[in-house]
Amino acid sequence: MKVEISEWNTLKKLFPKLSFSSSDLEKTLKKHFSEYNISSVGIIFTNKEYIQELNKHYRGIDSVTDVLSFTLDLKPLVGEVYICPEYILEIVPIENFEEDIIRNIIHGILHILGYDHKGKFTEENKKEKMFVKQEKFLREIWYNGLKK
């Protein structure tokens, strides 16, 4: 599995004291998603204007969002995950920022793998199959790996 991380500085500008590096993230994603048939995934950090533009163009929703994912090819499975750290920083407490970045990356990759959900990640629907899998990956990746 190939993992390409783009625009890392977009994340570092907002949160200069990240506890993990882009290479740590790349290695961890490869390790935890290697059993899946993903050939390549791009993780792109972007600003609010660009993710809003993508959201409007591809989903018809004219608003900023935290994560968007795109499946570019099925055989081999290739996808991209766009993350907006600027927006995430506005909606989660600062002490949960790094964890939520990882949660959103996992969320985007699960969409590429074909998982879907009905609504937002809330107490009421966190038992949906996708969210259960997402939080399992989060425990493995964040709490048993990247978190320092």
C-alpha atoms as a PDB file:
ATOM      1  CA  MET A   1       0.000   0.000   0.000  1.00  0.00           C
ATOM      2  CA  LYS A   2       1.342   3.376  -0.988  1.00  0.00           C
ATOM      3  CA  VAL A   3       0.533   6.368   1.251  1.00  0.00           C
ATOM      4  CA  GLU A   4       1.225   9.899   0.046  1.00  0.00           C
ATOM      5  CA  ILE A   5       0.806  12.794   2.455  1.00  0.00           C
ATOM      6  CA  SER A   6       0.446  16.230   0.870  1.00  0.00           C
ATOM      7  CA  GLU A   7       0.364  19.733   2.279  1.00  0.00           C
ATOM      8  CA  TRP A   8       1.720  18.640   5.676  1.00  0.00           C
ATOM      9  CA  ASN A   9       2.644  22.286   6.342  1.00  0.00           C
ATOM     10  CA  THR A  10      -1.056  23.208   6.333  1.00  0.00           C
ATOM     11  CA  LEU A  11      -1.410  21.018   9.416  1.00  0.00           C
ATOM     12  CA  LYS A  12       1.898  22.092  11.004  1.00  0.00           C
ATOM     13  CA  LYS A  13       1.068  25.817  10.692  1.00  0.00           C
ATOM     14  CA  LEU A  14      -2.066  25.348  12.767  1.00  0.00           C
ATOM     15  CA  PHE A  15      -0.561  22.921  15.234  1.00  0.00           C
ATOM     16  CA  PRO A  16       3.232  23.293  15.243  1.00  0.00           C
ATOM     17  CA  LYS A  17       3.737  20.971  18.219  1.00  0.00           C
ATOM     18  CA  LEU A  18       2.328  17.826  16.602  1.00  0.00           C
ATOM     19  CA  SER A  19       3.376  14.743  18.512  1.00  0.00           C
ATOM     20  CA  PHE A  20       3.857  12.699  15.326  1.00  0.00           C
ATOM     21  CA  SER A  21       5.563  13.255  11.997  1.00  0.00           C
ATOM     22  CA  SER A  22       4.259  12.686   8.496  1.00  0.00           C
ATOM     23  CA  SER A  23       6.518   9.625   8.215  1.00  0.00           C
ATOM     24  CA  ASP A  24       5.113   8.261  11.527  1.00  0.00           C
ATOM     25  CA  LEU A  25       1.620   8.721  10.124  1.00  0.00           C
ATOM     26  CA  GLU A  26       2.516   7.103   6.813  1.00  0.00           C
ATOM     27  CA  LYS A  27       4.085   4.045   8.475  1.00  0.00           C
ATOM     28  CA  THR A  28       1.154   3.654  10.864  1.00  0.00           C
ATOM     29  CA  LEU A  29      -1.467   3.843   8.111  1.00  0.00           C
ATOM     30  CA  LYS A  30       0.435   1.290   6.030  1.00  0.00           C
ATOM     31  CA  LYS A  31       0.661  -1.037   9.021  1.00  0.00           C
ATOM     32  CA  HIS A  32      -3.005  -0.848  10.008  1.00  0.00           C
ATOM     33  CA  PHE A  33      -4.571  -0.846   6.545  1.00  0.00           C
ATOM     34  CA  SER A  34      -2.180  -3.279   4.821  1.00  0.00           C
ATOM     35  CA  GLU A  35      -4.645  -6.160   5.040  1.00  0.00           C
ATOM     36  CA  TYR A  36      -7.095  -4.229   2.882  1.00  0.00           C
ATOM     37  CA  ASN A  37      -6.773  -4.160  -0.844  1.00  0.00           C
ATOM     38  CA  ILE A  38      -5.765  -0.493  -1.125  1.00  0.00           C
ATOM     39  CA  SER A  39      -3.125   0.167  -3.726  1.00  0.00           C
ATOM     40  CA  SER A  40      -2.642   3.849  -2.969  1.00  0.00           C
ATOM     41  CA  VAL A  41      -4.164   6.516  -0.759  1.00  0.00           C
ATOM     42  CA  GLY A  42      -3.378  10.210  -0.694  1.00  0.00           C
ATOM     43  CA  ILE A  43      -3.888  12.212   2.481  1.00  0.00           C
ATOM     44  CA  ILE A  44      -4.204  15.903   1.582  1.00  0.00           C
ATOM     45  CA  PHE A  45      -4.422  18.641   4.194  1.00  0.00           C
ATOM     46  CA  THR A  46      -6.277  21.662   2.884  1.00  0.00           C
ATOM     47  CA  ASN A  47      -7.844  24.961   3.902  1.00  0.00           C
ATOM     48  CA  LYS A  48     -11.514  25.790   4.457  1.00  0.00           C
ATOM     49  CA  GLU A  49     -11.981  27.509   1.094  1.00  0.00           C
ATOM     50  CA  TYR A  50     -10.718  24.562  -0.923  1.00  0.00           C
ATOM     51  CA  ILE A  51     -12.627  21.867   0.968  1.00  0.00           C
ATOM     52  CA  GLN A  52     -15.796  23.960   0.679  1.00  0.00           C
ATOM     53  CA  GLU A  53     -15.211  24.214  -3.076  1.00  0.00           C
ATOM     54  CA  LEU A  54     -14.750  20.415  -3.307  1.00  0.00           C
ATOM     55  CA  ASN A  55     -17.842  19.815  -1.159  1.00  0.00           C
ATOM     56  CA  LYS A  56     -19.949  22.106  -3.342  1.00  0.00           C
ATOM     57  CA  HIS A  57     -18.661  20.691  -6.625  1.00  0.00           C
ATOM     58  CA  TYR A  58     -18.829  16.973  -5.784  1.00  0.00           C
ATOM     59  CA  ARG A  59     -21.595  16.754  -3.189  1.00  0.00           C
ATOM     60  CA  GLY A  60     -23.703  19.835  -3.955  1.00  0.00           C
ATOM     61  CA  ILE A  61     -23.212  21.082  -0.382  1.00  0.00           C
ATOM     62  CA  ASP A  62     -21.928  24.650  -0.161  1.00  0.00           C
ATOM     63  CA  SER A  63     -20.259  24.457   3.247  1.00  0.00           C
ATOM     64  CA  VAL A  64     -16.973  23.655   4.913  1.00  0.00           C
ATOM     65  CA  THR A  65     -16.486  20.125   6.201  1.00  0.00           C
ATOM     66  CA  ASP A  66     -13.801  18.266   8.128  1.00  0.00           C
ATOM     67  CA  VAL A  67     -13.130  15.376   5.730  1.00  0.00           C
ATOM     68  CA  LEU A  68     -13.934  14.365   2.157  1.00  0.00           C
ATOM     69  CA  SER A  69     -12.842  11.167   0.477  1.00  0.00           C
ATOM     70  CA  PHE A  70     -12.780  10.142  -3.138  1.00  0.00           C
ATOM     71  CA  THR A  71     -12.347   6.722  -4.684  1.00  0.00           C
ATOM     72  CA  LEU A  72     -10.353   7.337  -7.851  1.00  0.00           C
ATOM     73  CA  ASP A  73     -10.087   3.758  -9.083  1.00  0.00           C
ATOM     74  CA  LEU A  74     -11.462   0.398  -7.965  1.00  0.00           C
ATOM     75  CA  LYS A  75      -8.947  -2.022  -9.507  1.00  0.00           C
ATOM     76  CA  PRO A  76      -6.500  -1.330  -8.043  1.00  0.00           C
ATOM     77  CA  LEU A  77      -8.188   0.563  -5.212  1.00  0.00           C
ATOM     78  CA  VAL A  78      -6.911   4.140  -5.217  1.00  0.00           C
ATOM     79  CA  GLY A  79      -8.308   7.037  -3.226  1.00  0.00           C
ATOM     80  CA  GLU A  80      -7.749  10.456  -1.735  1.00  0.00           C
ATOM     81  CA  VAL A  81      -8.724  11.828   1.665  1.00  0.00           C
ATOM     82  CA  TYR A  82      -8.954  15.602   2.108  1.00  0.00           C
ATOM     83  CA  ILE A  83      -8.673  16.856   5.678  1.00  0.00           C
ATOM     84  CA  CYS A  84      -9.357  20.433   6.797  1.00  0.00           C
ATOM     85  CA  PRO A  85      -7.405  20.967  10.036  1.00  0.00           C
ATOM     86  CA  GLU A  86      -8.516  24.604  10.183  1.00  0.00           C
ATOM     87  CA  TYR A  87     -12.160  23.526  10.459  1.00  0.00           C
ATOM     88  CA  ILE A  88     -11.391  20.664  12.859  1.00  0.00           C
ATOM     89  CA  LEU A  89      -9.622  23.123  15.151  1.00  0.00           C
ATOM     90  CA  GLU A  90     -12.842  25.176  15.248  1.00  0.00           C
ATOM     91  CA  ILE A  91     -15.112  22.259  16.201  1.00  0.00           C
ATOM     92  CA  VAL A  92     -13.074  20.190  18.682  1.00  0.00           C
ATOM     93  CA  PRO A  93     -11.273  21.196  21.874  1.00  0.00           C
ATOM     94  CA  ILE A  94      -7.579  21.859  21.296  1.00  0.00           C
ATOM     95  CA  GLU A  95      -6.602  18.916  23.496  1.00  0.00           C
ATOM     96  CA  ASN A  96      -8.487  16.557  21.123  1.00  0.00           C
ATOM     97  CA  PHE A  97      -7.167  18.083  17.894  1.00  0.00           C
ATOM     98  CA  GLU A  98      -4.527  15.464  17.039  1.00  0.00           C
ATOM     99  CA  GLU A  99      -6.867  12.593  17.876  1.00  0.00           C
ATOM    100  CA  ASP A 100      -9.571  14.081  15.686  1.00  0.00           C
ATOM    101  CA  ILE A 101      -7.158  14.524  12.775  1.00  0.00           C
ATOM    102  CA  ILE A 102      -6.434  10.782  12.974  1.00  0.00           C
ATOM    103  CA  ARG A 103     -10.156   9.970  13.387  1.00  0.00           C
ATOM    104  CA  ASN A 104     -10.951  11.912  10.209  1.00  0.00           C
ATOM    105  CA  ILE A 105      -8.177  10.229   8.220  1.00  0.00           C
ATOM    106  CA  ILE A 106      -9.497   6.820   9.305  1.00  0.00           C
ATOM    107  CA  HIS A 107     -13.037   7.943   8.465  1.00  0.00           C
ATOM    108  CA  GLY A 108     -11.998   8.938   4.949  1.00  0.00           C
ATOM    109  CA  ILE A 109     -10.120   5.695   4.325  1.00  0.00           C
ATOM    110  CA  LEU A 110     -13.133   3.672   5.486  1.00  0.00           C
ATOM    111  CA  HIS A 111     -15.283   5.496   2.933  1.00  0.00           C
ATOM    112  CA  ILE A 112     -12.763   4.556   0.222  1.00  0.00           C
ATOM    113  CA  LEU A 113     -13.096   0.946   1.397  1.00  0.00           C
ATOM    114  CA  GLY A 114     -16.859   1.188   0.839  1.00  0.00           C
ATOM    115  CA  TYR A 115     -18.134   1.848   4.353  1.00  0.00           C
ATOM    116  CA  ASP A 116     -20.898   4.405   4.818  1.00  0.00           C
ATOM    117  CA  HIS A 117     -23.048   5.856   7.586  1.00  0.00           C
ATOM    118  CA  LYS A 118     -26.422   7.563   7.986  1.00  0.00           C
ATOM    119  CA  GLY A 119     -25.547  10.678   9.953  1.00  0.00           C
ATOM    120  CA  LYS A 120     -22.853  12.438  11.905  1.00  0.00           C
ATOM    121  CA  PHE A 121     -20.762  10.699  14.544  1.00  0.00           C
ATOM    122  CA  THR A 122     -22.895  11.217  17.657  1.00  0.00           C
ATOM    123  CA  GLU A 123     -23.824   9.303  20.786  1.00  0.00           C
ATOM    124  CA  GLU A 124     -27.046   8.158  19.096  1.00  0.00           C
ATOM    125  CA  ASN A 125     -25.451   6.582  16.034  1.00  0.00           C
ATOM    126  CA  LYS A 126     -21.936   5.633  17.169  1.00  0.00           C
ATOM    127  CA  LYS A 127     -23.010   1.977  17.086  1.00  0.00           C
ATOM    128  CA  GLU A 128     -23.286   2.066  13.285  1.00  0.00           C
ATOM    129  CA  LYS A 129     -20.903  -0.448  11.695  1.00  0.00           C
ATOM    130  CA  MET A 130     -18.678   2.225  10.131  1.00  0.00           C
ATOM    131  CA  PHE A 131     -18.316   4.211  13.352  1.00  0.00           C
ATOM    132  CA  VAL A 132     -17.576   1.080  15.389  1.00  0.00           C
ATOM    133  CA  LYS A 133     -14.812   0.181  12.922  1.00  0.00           C
ATOM    134  CA  GLN A 134     -13.568   3.773  12.896  1.00  0.00           C
ATOM    135  CA  GLU A 135     -13.229   3.898  16.679  1.00  0.00           C
ATOM    136  CA  LYS A 136     -11.550   0.480  16.746  1.00  0.00           C
ATOM    137  CA  PHE A 137      -8.930   1.750  14.287  1.00  0.00           C
ATOM    138  CA  LEU A 138      -8.594   4.940  16.312  1.00  0.00           C
ATOM    139  CA  ARG A 139      -7.803   2.963  19.468  1.00  0.00           C
ATOM    140  CA  GLU A 140      -5.225   0.878  17.596  1.00  0.00           C
ATOM    141  CA  ILE A 141      -3.633   3.761  15.707  1.00  0.00           C
ATOM    142  CA  TRP A 142      -3.856   6.656  18.143  1.00  0.00           C
ATOM    143  CA  TYR A 143      -3.888   5.198  21.621  1.00  0.00           C
ATOM    144  CA  ASN A 144      -1.659   2.203  20.894  1.00  0.00           C
ATOM    145  CA  GLY A 145       0.670   3.881  18.456  1.00  0.00           C
ATOM    146  CA  LEU A 146       0.944   7.534  17.476  1.00  0.00           C
ATOM    147  CA  LYS A 147      -0.033   9.194  20.762  1.00  0.00           C
ATOM    148  CA  LYS A 148       3.041  10.083  22.719  1.00  0.00           C
END
